[in-house]
Amino acid sequence: MLARKQVTTSGRCLDSTEPIYYIRQAASSDRWIIYLTSGYYCQIDDCTNAIAQRPHVTGTSLFPSLISPMEDSIADANSKNAFKDWNIAVLVYCSQDLYTGDRADAMVAADGKELFFQGSLILQDWIKELSESFLQNATHLLLAGSSAGGYGIMYNFQDIVSIFESYEVGAELNVLLDSSFIDIPLDFDVTSILKTYITDFNNSICNSVWEQQLCCIRADCMIPKVMSNTKVMGINGNYDWIGWGFLPADEIPPRMDYFDSHAIKVSTRM
C-alpha cells in the first residue's frame, strides 16, 4: 500500500488545496524511486474550467489515504520488475503549471477565482522533506517523471541537485523521463503561458531559445544543458498519460496505473 502524506510546504495546488504525495517504504532497501505524476496544464483563462473538468490534477481533495498498487505496476511488491523492493515516493501533480510555477501569491482569473501556480515551490519543498526525513542513507535514487512530471524534473533539476547536496544526500542519481519528448508545433508559442507561471521569466532557463522554441520545453535542449553529467533515459510520448486529463470525475481519484510509468517497466528489461 502507498500511504498519503501532506507535503510540508506553504505552496498550494491550483485550486488552493494542500499538496500531497504517496509513499511506500521498503523494509530493507536504501534505494528510492522519486516520481512526479503527469497531467497537462492550463492557461489562466481556462483554469477555472480545468478545475471543474480535471479535479485530480488541479487539487487533492479526491485522493484517498491509501492506494493499492495494481498488478504489475512499479509499486507492486509481487511484480517481477527490478524495482519491486525499492522505496517509492510519488508527488501528485496538482498545479497545472508543468512544475514551473513559483508565484508566491495567487493570480486572479477573470471570473474572480484565485489560482495558485506554485508547482516548482511545491516540488522543491517536497525534495527537501524527502532529503531530511528519508534519503540520508539512500544509495540509489531514480528521479522519474511522466509528461508534465518529466518537464518538471528538467526545469527544476539543478535546484533538486543543489537540495540533495545541501542535505548531504550522497546517493547515485539517475533520471528517467517518460513521455517528455512531445513535439510542440513551431507556431504554438507558449511564452505567454510560462510567463504566467514563472515570476522572473527573463532570467529563467525558459527564456533561452533552441531551434525556434523555448529551451525548457525541449528535452533535446534541457538534457545536455542541465543534465550533462547525469545518466538519463528517455521514452517518447507514445505512452503519454495525457488522456487522464479528460476522464469523467466518477472514475477518479486514479487507479494505481496513474503512477505506473511505462518507462520504468521498460527500463527493467534493458
Protein backbone atom coordinates (compact mmCIF):
# COMPACT_ATOMS: atom_id res chain seq x y z
CA MET A 1 0.00 0.00 0.00
CA LEU A 2 1.05 3.55 -0.66
CA ALA A 3 0.15 5.98 2.13
CA ARG A 4 -0.94 9.56 1.55
CA LYS A 5 1.07 12.34 3.21
CA GLN A 6 0.80 16.11 3.10
CA VAL A 7 3.78 17.92 1.63
CA THR A 8 5.44 20.25 4.14
CA THR A 9 5.14 23.43 2.11
CA SER A 10 3.45 26.81 2.02
CA GLY A 11 2.62 26.12 -1.63
CA ARG A 12 -0.88 25.28 -2.77
CA CYS A 13 -2.45 23.34 -5.60
CA LEU A 14 -4.11 25.29 -8.38
CA ASP A 15 -7.46 25.13 -6.56
CA SER A 16 -5.85 26.07 -3.19
CA THR A 17 -5.97 22.55 -1.69
CA GLU A 18 -2.89 21.22 0.08
CA PRO A 19 -0.31 19.29 -1.96
CA ILE A 20 0.14 15.60 -1.19
CA TYR A 21 2.34 12.66 -2.01
CA TYR A 22 2.20 8.90 -1.62
CA ILE A 23 4.96 6.82 -0.14
CA ARG A 24 5.82 3.19 0.33
CA GLN A 25 8.89 2.38 2.40
CA ALA A 26 10.66 -0.90 1.79
CA ALA A 27 11.71 -2.98 4.75
CA SER A 28 15.37 -3.38 3.79
CA SER A 29 16.31 -1.10 0.95
CA ASP A 30 18.15 2.20 0.65
CA ARG A 31 17.14 2.62 -2.99
CA TRP A 32 14.42 5.09 -3.95
CA ILE A 33 12.17 5.97 -6.87
CA ILE A 34 11.12 9.62 -6.68
CA TYR A 35 8.28 10.02 -9.13
CA LEU A 36 6.39 13.06 -10.47
CA THR A 37 2.99 12.36 -11.98
CA SER A 38 1.60 13.87 -15.16
CA GLY A 39 -1.48 15.87 -16.03
CA TYR A 40 -1.47 18.58 -18.72
CA TYR A 41 -1.51 22.35 -17.97
CA CYS A 42 -3.92 25.27 -18.15
CA GLN A 43 -3.91 28.90 -19.24
CA ILE A 44 -5.27 31.42 -16.80
CA ASP A 45 -8.44 31.97 -18.84
CA ASP A 46 -9.36 28.28 -18.79
CA CYS A 47 -8.04 27.19 -15.39
CA THR A 48 -11.41 27.50 -13.69
CA ASN A 49 -12.81 25.14 -16.29
CA ALA A 50 -9.84 22.83 -15.74
CA ILE A 51 -10.62 22.66 -12.02
CA ALA A 52 -14.15 21.51 -12.85
CA GLN A 53 -13.14 19.02 -15.53
CA ARG A 54 -9.81 17.74 -14.17
CA PRO A 55 -10.06 17.79 -10.37
CA HIS A 56 -7.46 15.03 -9.99
CA VAL A 57 -4.70 17.24 -11.48
CA THR A 58 -5.82 20.61 -10.11
CA GLY A 59 -6.29 19.64 -6.47
CA THR A 60 -6.04 16.82 -3.96
CA SER A 61 -9.44 16.58 -2.28
CA LEU A 62 -10.39 13.40 -4.16
CA PHE A 63 -7.35 11.34 -3.22
CA PRO A 64 -7.74 8.56 -0.61
CA SER A 65 -5.49 7.94 2.38
CA LEU A 66 -4.21 4.65 0.95
CA ILE A 67 -3.80 3.37 -2.60
CA SER A 68 -3.33 -0.27 -3.50
CA PRO A 69 -0.93 -0.89 -6.37
CA MET A 70 -2.27 -2.59 -9.46
CA GLU A 71 -0.80 -5.89 -10.56
CA ASP A 72 2.45 -5.40 -12.50
CA SER A 73 2.75 -1.72 -11.57
CA ILE A 74 6.03 -0.28 -10.32
CA ALA A 75 4.70 -0.33 -6.78
CA ASP A 76 3.54 -3.95 -6.88
CA ALA A 77 5.65 -5.88 -4.38
CA ASN A 78 4.94 -9.10 -6.26
CA SER A 79 5.98 -7.73 -9.63
CA LYS A 80 8.94 -9.25 -11.42
CA ASN A 81 10.35 -5.85 -12.30
CA ALA A 82 13.68 -4.80 -10.85
CA PHE A 83 12.16 -2.10 -8.67
CA LYS A 84 9.79 -4.27 -6.65
CA ASP A 85 11.75 -3.79 -3.42
CA TRP A 86 12.62 -0.12 -3.86
CA ASN A 87 11.16 2.64 -1.73
CA ILE A 88 8.73 4.79 -3.72
CA ALA A 89 7.63 8.39 -3.22
CA VAL A 90 5.07 9.85 -5.65
CA LEU A 91 4.29 13.56 -5.85
CA VAL A 92 0.74 14.21 -7.06
CA TYR A 93 0.70 16.88 -9.77
CA CYS A 94 -1.92 19.48 -8.87
CA SER A 95 -0.60 22.85 -10.08
CA GLN A 96 -1.22 22.70 -13.86
CA ASP A 97 1.96 24.68 -14.48
CA LEU A 98 4.36 21.92 -15.60
CA TYR A 99 6.01 22.22 -12.18
CA THR A 100 7.47 25.60 -13.21
CA GLY A 101 5.23 27.87 -11.13
CA ASP A 102 6.88 29.95 -8.42
CA ARG A 103 4.23 32.62 -7.84
CA ALA A 104 4.17 33.40 -4.13
CA ASP A 105 0.68 34.88 -4.38
CA ALA A 106 -2.45 33.74 -6.14
CA MET A 107 -3.37 35.11 -9.53
CA VAL A 108 -6.98 36.07 -10.16
CA ALA A 109 -8.90 34.82 -13.18
CA ALA A 110 -11.48 36.92 -15.00
CA ASP A 111 -14.24 35.20 -13.02
CA GLY A 112 -12.57 36.19 -9.74
CA LYS A 113 -11.24 32.70 -8.98
CA GLU A 114 -7.89 32.65 -7.17
CA LEU A 115 -5.37 30.38 -8.90
CA PHE A 116 -2.10 29.15 -7.41
CA PHE A 117 0.77 28.44 -9.80
CA GLN A 118 3.26 27.02 -7.29
CA GLY A 119 4.37 23.71 -8.77
CA SER A 120 8.08 24.48 -8.59
CA LEU A 121 7.78 25.65 -4.98
CA ILE A 122 5.87 22.50 -4.03
CA LEU A 123 8.34 20.22 -5.79
CA GLN A 124 11.40 21.78 -4.20
CA ASP A 125 9.85 21.74 -0.72
CA TRP A 126 8.96 18.08 -1.26
CA ILE A 127 12.53 17.23 -2.23
CA LYS A 128 13.72 19.00 0.93
CA GLU A 129 11.26 16.98 3.03
CA LEU A 130 12.35 13.69 1.48
CA SER A 131 16.02 14.58 1.84
CA GLU A 132 15.68 15.43 5.50
CA SER A 133 13.36 12.59 6.52
CA PHE A 134 14.10 9.64 4.24
CA LEU A 135 17.14 9.97 1.96
CA GLN A 136 20.07 10.41 4.33
CA ASN A 137 21.15 6.79 3.88
CA ALA A 138 19.98 6.34 0.31
CA THR A 139 22.41 4.62 -2.03
CA HIS A 140 20.49 4.94 -5.31
CA LEU A 141 17.93 7.49 -6.47
CA LEU A 142 15.87 7.18 -9.63
CA LEU A 143 14.27 10.55 -10.35
CA ALA A 144 11.40 9.83 -12.72
CA GLY A 145 8.55 11.79 -14.22
CA SER A 146 5.83 11.28 -16.79
CA SER A 147 4.89 14.01 -19.26
CA ALA A 148 4.46 17.16 -17.13
CA GLY A 149 6.43 15.36 -14.44
CA GLY A 150 9.33 14.92 -16.82
CA TYR A 151 9.26 18.58 -17.76
CA GLY A 152 9.22 19.38 -14.05
CA ILE A 153 12.36 17.31 -13.50
CA MET A 154 14.17 19.04 -16.34
CA TYR A 155 13.14 22.55 -15.31
CA ASN A 156 13.95 22.05 -11.60
CA PHE A 157 16.86 19.64 -11.98
CA GLN A 158 19.66 21.99 -10.95
CA ASP A 159 17.72 23.08 -7.87
CA ILE A 160 16.95 19.46 -7.00
CA VAL A 161 20.63 18.55 -7.18
CA SER A 162 21.52 21.57 -5.04
CA ILE A 163 18.99 20.44 -2.42
CA PHE A 164 20.46 16.95 -2.37
CA GLU A 165 23.92 18.45 -1.90
CA SER A 166 22.80 20.77 0.88
CA TYR A 167 21.28 17.83 2.78
CA GLU A 168 24.34 15.68 2.03
CA VAL A 169 22.34 13.08 0.12
CA GLY A 170 25.14 11.10 -1.48
CA ALA A 171 23.17 8.54 -3.45
CA GLU A 172 23.86 7.74 -7.08
CA LEU A 173 21.34 9.75 -9.10
CA ASN A 174 19.82 8.67 -12.40
CA VAL A 175 16.93 10.21 -14.35
CA LEU A 176 14.05 8.65 -16.26
CA LEU A 177 11.89 10.88 -18.48
CA ASP A 178 8.65 9.25 -19.62
CA SER A 179 6.72 10.99 -22.41
CA SER A 180 8.60 14.28 -22.11
CA PHE A 181 9.55 14.46 -25.77
CA ILE A 182 6.26 15.80 -27.08
CA ASP A 183 6.70 17.66 -30.37
CA ILE A 184 5.12 21.08 -29.96
CA PRO A 185 4.32 22.78 -33.30
CA LEU A 186 6.59 25.69 -34.08
CA ASP A 187 3.61 28.02 -34.47
CA PHE A 188 2.41 27.29 -30.93
CA ASP A 189 4.05 29.90 -28.73
CA VAL A 190 3.95 29.02 -25.03
CA THR A 191 5.91 32.08 -23.91
CA SER A 192 2.89 33.93 -22.50
CA ILE A 193 1.71 30.78 -20.71
CA LEU A 194 5.05 30.22 -18.98
CA LYS A 195 5.28 33.91 -18.09
CA THR A 196 2.04 33.38 -16.15
CA TYR A 197 3.71 30.66 -14.08
CA ILE A 198 7.25 31.99 -13.62
CA THR A 199 7.90 35.16 -11.60
CA ASP A 200 11.22 36.10 -13.22
CA PHE A 201 10.79 34.61 -16.67
CA ASN A 202 13.52 36.72 -18.27
CA ASN A 203 16.19 35.21 -16.03
CA SER A 204 14.86 31.65 -16.22
CA ILE A 205 16.08 28.89 -18.48
CA CYS A 206 12.77 29.17 -20.33
CA ASN A 207 13.91 32.48 -21.78
CA SER A 208 16.61 30.80 -23.86
CA VAL A 209 15.70 29.60 -27.35
CA TRP A 210 16.57 26.32 -29.03
CA GLU A 211 15.60 25.66 -32.65
CA GLN A 212 12.96 28.41 -32.60
CA GLN A 213 11.36 27.21 -29.37
CA LEU A 214 11.87 27.78 -25.67
CA CYS A 215 14.62 25.56 -24.31
CA CYS A 216 12.60 24.44 -21.28
CA ILE A 217 10.00 22.66 -23.44
CA ARG A 218 12.62 20.85 -25.49
CA ALA A 219 14.21 17.78 -23.93
CA ASP A 220 16.95 17.87 -26.57
CA CYS A 221 17.95 21.28 -25.19
CA MET A 222 17.40 20.64 -21.49
CA ILE A 223 19.14 17.28 -21.15
CA PRO A 224 22.57 18.46 -22.38
CA LYS A 225 22.17 21.87 -20.74
CA VAL A 226 21.26 20.81 -17.19
CA MET A 227 21.91 17.04 -17.04
CA SER A 228 25.17 16.63 -18.94
CA ASN A 229 26.82 14.73 -16.08
CA THR A 230 23.81 12.53 -15.28
CA LYS A 231 22.63 9.25 -16.78
CA VAL A 232 19.28 9.97 -18.44
CA MET A 233 16.87 7.58 -20.11
CA GLY A 234 14.02 9.00 -22.16
CA ILE A 235 10.87 7.38 -23.52
CA ASN A 236 8.95 9.22 -26.21
CA GLY A 237 5.40 10.46 -25.89
CA ASN A 238 3.61 7.46 -27.39
CA TYR A 239 2.75 6.28 -23.89
CA ASP A 240 1.75 9.67 -22.54
CA TRP A 241 -0.84 9.71 -19.76
CA ILE A 242 -2.41 12.90 -21.07
CA GLY A 243 -5.73 11.09 -21.56
CA TRP A 244 -6.18 11.11 -17.79
CA GLY A 245 -6.94 14.79 -18.08
CA PHE A 246 -10.31 14.02 -19.65
CA LEU A 247 -11.66 11.19 -17.52
CA PRO A 248 -15.12 11.72 -16.06
CA ALA A 249 -14.99 12.66 -12.40
CA ASP A 250 -16.57 9.43 -11.20
CA GLU A 251 -13.54 7.49 -12.44
CA ILE A 252 -11.12 9.37 -10.24
CA PRO A 253 -9.18 9.53 -7.93
CA PRO A 254 -6.88 7.48 -10.06
CA ARG A 255 -6.37 3.81 -10.39
CA MET A 256 -2.87 2.77 -9.44
CA ASP A 257 -1.78 2.70 -13.06
CA TYR A 258 -1.71 6.50 -12.94
CA PHE A 259 1.54 6.02 -11.07
CA ASP A 260 2.70 3.23 -13.37
CA SER A 261 5.38 4.71 -15.58
CA HIS A 262 5.78 2.75 -18.79
CA ALA A 263 9.37 3.91 -18.96
CA ILE A 264 10.21 2.38 -15.59
CA LYS A 265 8.87 -1.00 -16.62
CA VAL A 266 10.62 -0.81 -19.99
CA SER A 267 13.93 0.08 -18.32
CA THR A 268 13.88 -3.10 -16.26
CA ARG A 269 14.05 -5.11 -19.45
CA MET A 270 17.08 -3.29 -20.87
